[in-house]
């Protein structure tokens, strides 16, 4: 059985864009903008998830509570990046792009 992946972003357009991109790479992907769906996914499926930092905040789950082996979080919030590093999580952030820089 193939492994499924959830992409959760508070902007449904971004979640869909990531889903389409990852599916072109051959992955089976579901997309959501719902923190409730993402929380249920983590609790019930055991499958990987890619979370936007905003969705993580809305889930009511701390970084400390997340399973580190199957969760990728991206965020423009430097506080979240610092917290991840303090917890010893692998956090990579080469450049924070402000929305104004990204053209949105």
N, C-alpha and C. Protein backbone atom coordinates (compact mmCIF):
# COMPACT_ATOMS: atom_id res chain seq x y z
N UNK A 1 0.83 -1.17 0.00
CA UNK A 1 0.00 0.00 0.00
C UNK A 1 0.89 1.25 0.00
N UNK A 2 0.54 2.22 -0.82
CA UNK A 2 1.31 3.45 -0.91
C UNK A 2 1.06 4.34 0.28
N UNK A 3 2.08 5.07 0.65
CA UNK A 3 1.96 6.00 1.75
C UNK A 3 1.32 7.29 1.26
N UNK A 4 0.43 7.82 2.07
CA UNK A 4 -0.25 9.06 1.74
C UNK A 4 0.34 10.19 2.59
N UNK A 5 0.26 11.40 2.08
CA UNK A 5 0.83 12.57 2.72
C UNK A 5 -0.24 13.64 2.80
N UNK A 6 -0.29 14.37 3.91
CA UNK A 6 -1.21 15.50 4.04
C UNK A 6 -0.42 16.79 3.97
N UNK A 7 -0.92 17.75 3.19
CA UNK A 7 -0.38 19.10 3.15
C UNK A 7 -1.43 20.01 3.77
N UNK A 8 -1.06 20.74 4.82
CA UNK A 8 -2.00 21.62 5.51
C UNK A 8 -1.45 23.05 5.52
N UNK A 9 -2.18 23.96 4.89
CA UNK A 9 -1.80 25.37 4.87
C UNK A 9 -3.07 26.18 5.09
N UNK A 10 -2.97 27.27 5.84
CA UNK A 10 -4.16 28.07 6.11
C UNK A 10 -4.71 28.73 4.85
N UNK A 11 -3.90 28.83 3.81
CA UNK A 11 -4.36 29.34 2.52
C UNK A 11 -4.66 28.14 1.61
N UNK A 12 -5.93 27.89 1.32
CA UNK A 12 -6.29 26.71 0.51
C UNK A 12 -5.61 26.69 -0.86
N UNK A 13 -5.32 27.86 -1.42
CA UNK A 13 -4.64 27.90 -2.73
C UNK A 13 -3.23 27.35 -2.64
N UNK A 14 -2.54 27.67 -1.55
CA UNK A 14 -1.18 27.16 -1.34
C UNK A 14 -1.22 25.66 -1.12
N UNK A 15 -2.17 25.19 -0.31
CA UNK A 15 -2.30 23.75 -0.05
C UNK A 15 -2.54 22.99 -1.36
N UNK A 16 -3.41 23.52 -2.22
CA UNK A 16 -3.69 22.87 -3.50
C UNK A 16 -2.48 22.90 -4.42
N UNK A 17 -1.77 24.03 -4.45
CA UNK A 17 -0.58 24.14 -5.30
C UNK A 17 0.46 23.10 -4.88
N UNK A 18 0.70 22.96 -3.58
CA UNK A 18 1.65 21.97 -3.09
C UNK A 18 1.18 20.55 -3.39
N UNK A 19 -0.12 20.31 -3.24
CA UNK A 19 -0.66 18.99 -3.55
C UNK A 19 -0.39 18.64 -5.01
N UNK A 20 -0.71 19.56 -5.92
CA UNK A 20 -0.50 19.31 -7.35
C UNK A 20 0.97 19.05 -7.66
N UNK A 21 1.85 19.85 -7.07
CA UNK A 21 3.29 19.69 -7.31
C UNK A 21 3.77 18.32 -6.82
N UNK A 22 3.41 17.96 -5.60
CA UNK A 22 3.86 16.69 -5.03
C UNK A 22 3.27 15.48 -5.76
N UNK A 23 2.04 15.62 -6.24
CA UNK A 23 1.45 14.53 -7.02
C UNK A 23 2.19 14.32 -8.34
N UNK A 24 2.68 15.41 -8.93
CA UNK A 24 3.48 15.27 -10.15
C UNK A 24 4.78 14.52 -9.90
N UNK A 25 5.22 14.52 -8.65
CA UNK A 25 6.42 13.77 -8.26
C UNK A 25 6.10 12.32 -7.92
N UNK A 26 4.82 11.95 -8.03
CA UNK A 26 4.41 10.57 -7.81
C UNK A 26 3.88 10.26 -6.42
N UNK A 27 3.69 11.28 -5.58
CA UNK A 27 3.18 11.05 -4.23
C UNK A 27 1.65 11.06 -4.21
N UNK A 28 1.08 10.39 -3.24
CA UNK A 28 -0.35 10.44 -3.01
C UNK A 28 -0.57 11.49 -1.93
N UNK A 29 -1.29 12.56 -2.27
CA UNK A 29 -1.37 13.73 -1.40
C UNK A 29 -2.81 14.17 -1.20
N UNK A 30 -3.14 14.51 0.05
CA UNK A 30 -4.38 15.20 0.39
C UNK A 30 -4.01 16.60 0.82
N UNK A 31 -4.88 17.57 0.56
CA UNK A 31 -4.63 18.95 0.94
C UNK A 31 -5.79 19.45 1.79
N UNK A 32 -5.44 20.31 2.78
CA UNK A 32 -6.46 20.90 3.63
C UNK A 32 -6.00 22.26 4.13
N UNK A 33 -6.95 23.07 4.52
CA UNK A 33 -6.64 24.32 5.22
C UNK A 33 -7.19 24.26 6.64
N UNK A 34 -7.63 23.08 7.06
CA UNK A 34 -8.27 22.88 8.35
C UNK A 34 -7.31 22.34 9.40
N UNK A 35 -7.18 23.08 10.50
CA UNK A 35 -6.36 22.60 11.62
C UNK A 35 -6.98 21.33 12.22
N UNK A 36 -8.30 21.25 12.24
CA UNK A 36 -8.98 20.07 12.79
C UNK A 36 -8.64 18.82 11.97
N UNK A 37 -8.64 18.94 10.66
CA UNK A 37 -8.30 17.81 9.79
C UNK A 37 -6.85 17.40 10.03
N UNK A 38 -5.94 18.38 10.13
CA UNK A 38 -4.52 18.08 10.35
C UNK A 38 -4.32 17.39 11.70
N UNK A 39 -5.00 17.87 12.73
CA UNK A 39 -4.87 17.25 14.07
C UNK A 39 -5.37 15.82 14.04
N UNK A 40 -6.51 15.59 13.40
CA UNK A 40 -7.06 14.23 13.29
C UNK A 40 -6.12 13.33 12.49
N UNK A 41 -5.54 13.85 11.42
CA UNK A 41 -4.58 13.11 10.58
C UNK A 41 -3.41 12.62 11.43
N UNK A 42 -2.84 13.52 12.23
CA UNK A 42 -1.71 13.14 13.08
C UNK A 42 -2.09 12.08 14.10
N UNK A 43 -3.27 12.23 14.66
CA UNK A 43 -3.72 11.31 15.71
C UNK A 43 -4.06 9.92 15.17
N UNK A 44 -4.64 9.87 13.97
CA UNK A 44 -5.24 8.61 13.51
C UNK A 44 -4.49 7.87 12.42
N UNK A 45 -3.73 8.55 11.57
CA UNK A 45 -3.22 7.85 10.39
C UNK A 45 -1.80 7.33 10.51
N UNK A 46 -0.94 8.03 11.20
CA UNK A 46 0.47 7.64 11.22
C UNK A 46 1.19 8.00 9.93
N UNK A 47 0.51 8.71 9.03
CA UNK A 47 1.10 9.10 7.75
C UNK A 47 1.78 10.48 7.89
N UNK A 48 2.72 10.80 7.00
CA UNK A 48 3.43 12.08 7.07
C UNK A 48 2.52 13.29 6.82
N UNK A 49 2.96 14.43 7.32
CA UNK A 49 2.22 15.68 7.13
C UNK A 49 3.20 16.83 6.95
N UNK A 50 2.83 17.75 6.07
CA UNK A 50 3.56 19.01 5.90
C UNK A 50 2.62 20.10 6.40
N UNK A 51 3.07 20.84 7.42
CA UNK A 51 2.23 21.84 8.08
C UNK A 51 2.78 23.25 7.90
N UNK A 52 1.90 24.16 7.59
CA UNK A 52 2.23 25.57 7.68
C UNK A 52 2.20 25.96 9.15
N UNK A 53 3.07 26.87 9.57
CA UNK A 53 3.14 27.27 10.97
C UNK A 53 1.82 27.82 11.50
N UNK A 54 1.04 28.47 10.65
CA UNK A 54 -0.26 29.00 11.08
C UNK A 54 -1.22 27.87 11.43
N UNK A 55 -1.23 26.82 10.64
CA UNK A 55 -2.09 25.67 10.93
C UNK A 55 -1.65 25.01 12.22
N UNK A 56 -0.35 24.89 12.42
CA UNK A 56 0.17 24.32 13.66
C UNK A 56 -0.35 25.10 14.86
N UNK A 57 -0.29 26.44 14.78
CA UNK A 57 -0.79 27.27 15.87
C UNK A 57 -2.27 27.07 16.12
N UNK A 58 -3.05 26.89 15.07
CA UNK A 58 -4.49 26.68 15.20
C UNK A 58 -4.84 25.29 15.71
N UNK A 59 -3.92 24.35 15.61
CA UNK A 59 -4.17 22.97 16.04
C UNK A 59 -4.17 22.83 17.56
N UNK A 60 -3.53 23.76 18.24
CA UNK A 60 -3.45 23.65 19.69
C UNK A 60 -2.47 22.58 20.15
N UNK A 61 -1.49 22.26 19.29
CA UNK A 61 -0.46 21.26 19.62
C UNK A 61 0.88 21.99 19.61
N UNK A 62 1.68 21.75 20.61
CA UNK A 62 3.00 22.39 20.65
C UNK A 62 3.99 21.59 19.82
N UNK A 63 5.09 22.23 19.47
CA UNK A 63 6.16 21.53 18.74
C UNK A 63 6.63 20.31 19.51
N UNK A 64 6.69 20.44 20.82
CA UNK A 64 7.16 19.36 21.69
C UNK A 64 6.28 18.10 21.56
N UNK A 65 5.01 18.28 21.24
CA UNK A 65 4.07 17.16 21.16
C UNK A 65 4.03 16.48 19.79
N UNK A 66 4.66 17.08 18.79
CA UNK A 66 4.59 16.54 17.43
C UNK A 66 5.53 15.35 17.26
N UNK A 67 5.10 14.36 16.47
CA UNK A 67 6.02 13.26 16.13
C UNK A 67 7.06 13.77 15.14
N UNK A 68 8.31 13.81 15.53
CA UNK A 68 9.35 14.45 14.71
C UNK A 68 9.74 13.65 13.48
N UNK A 69 9.37 12.40 13.41
CA UNK A 69 9.82 11.58 12.28
C UNK A 69 8.94 11.69 11.06
N UNK A 70 7.78 12.33 11.18
CA UNK A 70 6.90 12.37 10.02
C UNK A 70 6.22 13.72 9.82
N UNK A 71 6.78 14.78 10.38
CA UNK A 71 6.20 16.11 10.26
C UNK A 71 7.23 17.09 9.73
N UNK A 72 6.84 17.83 8.71
CA UNK A 72 7.63 18.94 8.21
C UNK A 72 6.81 20.20 8.43
N UNK A 73 7.42 21.21 9.03
CA UNK A 73 6.73 22.47 9.28
C UNK A 73 7.47 23.57 8.56
N UNK A 74 6.73 24.43 7.87
CA UNK A 74 7.35 25.60 7.30
C UNK A 74 6.62 26.82 7.84
N UNK A 75 7.39 27.87 8.06
CA UNK A 75 6.79 29.06 8.66
C UNK A 75 7.69 30.26 8.45
N UNK A 76 7.09 31.41 8.33
CA UNK A 76 7.83 32.65 8.28
C UNK A 76 7.99 33.28 9.65
N UNK A 77 7.57 32.56 10.68
CA UNK A 77 7.61 33.06 12.05
C UNK A 77 8.94 32.70 12.69
N UNK A 78 9.82 33.68 12.90
CA UNK A 78 11.14 33.36 13.46
C UNK A 78 11.05 32.77 14.87
N UNK A 79 9.99 33.07 15.61
CA UNK A 79 9.84 32.49 16.95
C UNK A 79 9.65 30.97 16.87
N UNK A 80 8.91 30.52 15.86
CA UNK A 80 8.70 29.09 15.69
C UNK A 80 10.00 28.39 15.31
N UNK A 81 10.78 29.03 14.45
CA UNK A 81 12.08 28.47 14.05
C UNK A 81 13.00 28.37 15.26
N UNK A 82 13.05 29.44 16.08
CA UNK A 82 13.88 29.41 17.29
C UNK A 82 13.44 28.32 18.25
N UNK A 83 12.13 28.18 18.44
CA UNK A 83 11.62 27.14 19.33
C UNK A 83 12.02 25.75 18.83
N UNK A 84 11.92 25.53 17.53
CA UNK A 84 12.30 24.23 16.96
C UNK A 84 13.78 23.95 17.21
N UNK A 85 14.60 24.95 17.03
CA UNK A 85 16.04 24.77 17.26
C UNK A 85 16.33 24.50 18.73
N UNK A 86 15.62 25.19 19.64
CA UNK A 86 15.81 24.98 21.07
C UNK A 86 15.43 23.57 21.49
N UNK A 87 14.45 23.00 20.80
CA UNK A 87 14.02 21.63 21.10
C UNK A 87 14.92 20.59 20.44
N UNK A 88 15.88 21.06 19.64
CA UNK A 88 16.78 20.12 18.98
C UNK A 88 16.21 19.56 17.70
N UNK A 89 15.13 20.16 17.20
CA UNK A 89 14.56 19.71 15.93
C UNK A 89 15.40 20.27 14.80
N UNK A 90 15.42 19.55 13.71
CA UNK A 90 16.15 20.05 12.56
C UNK A 90 15.33 21.15 11.90
N UNK A 91 15.78 22.36 11.99
CA UNK A 91 15.06 23.50 11.41
C UNK A 91 15.98 24.19 10.42
N UNK A 92 15.53 24.30 9.20
CA UNK A 92 16.33 24.92 8.16
C UNK A 92 15.60 26.17 7.67
N UNK A 93 16.29 27.27 7.71
CA UNK A 93 15.71 28.53 7.27
C UNK A 93 16.83 29.36 6.69
N UNK A 94 16.97 29.33 5.37
CA UNK A 94 18.04 30.09 4.73
C UNK A 94 17.70 31.56 4.61
N UNK A 95 16.44 31.86 4.39
CA UNK A 95 16.04 33.24 4.16
C UNK A 95 14.55 33.37 4.43
N UNK A 96 14.20 34.27 5.31
CA UNK A 96 12.79 34.53 5.54
C UNK A 96 12.29 35.48 4.46
N UNK A 97 11.27 35.07 3.74
CA UNK A 97 10.72 35.89 2.68
C UNK A 97 9.44 36.54 3.19
N UNK A 98 9.45 37.86 3.23
CA UNK A 98 8.25 38.58 3.63
C UNK A 98 7.25 38.55 2.47
N UNK A 99 5.98 38.59 2.79
CA UNK A 99 4.97 38.56 1.74
C UNK A 99 5.20 39.67 0.71
N UNK A 100 5.64 40.83 1.15
CA UNK A 100 5.89 41.92 0.21
C UNK A 100 7.02 41.57 -0.76
N UNK A 101 8.02 40.81 -0.29
CA UNK A 101 9.12 40.37 -1.16
C UNK A 101 8.65 39.33 -2.15
N UNK A 102 7.67 38.50 -1.71
CA UNK A 102 7.20 37.42 -2.56
C UNK A 102 6.20 37.90 -3.60
N UNK A 103 5.78 39.16 -3.49
CA UNK A 103 4.87 39.70 -4.47
C UNK A 103 3.42 39.45 -4.18
N UNK A 104 3.07 39.09 -2.94
CA UNK A 104 1.65 38.86 -2.64
C UNK A 104 1.05 40.04 -1.95
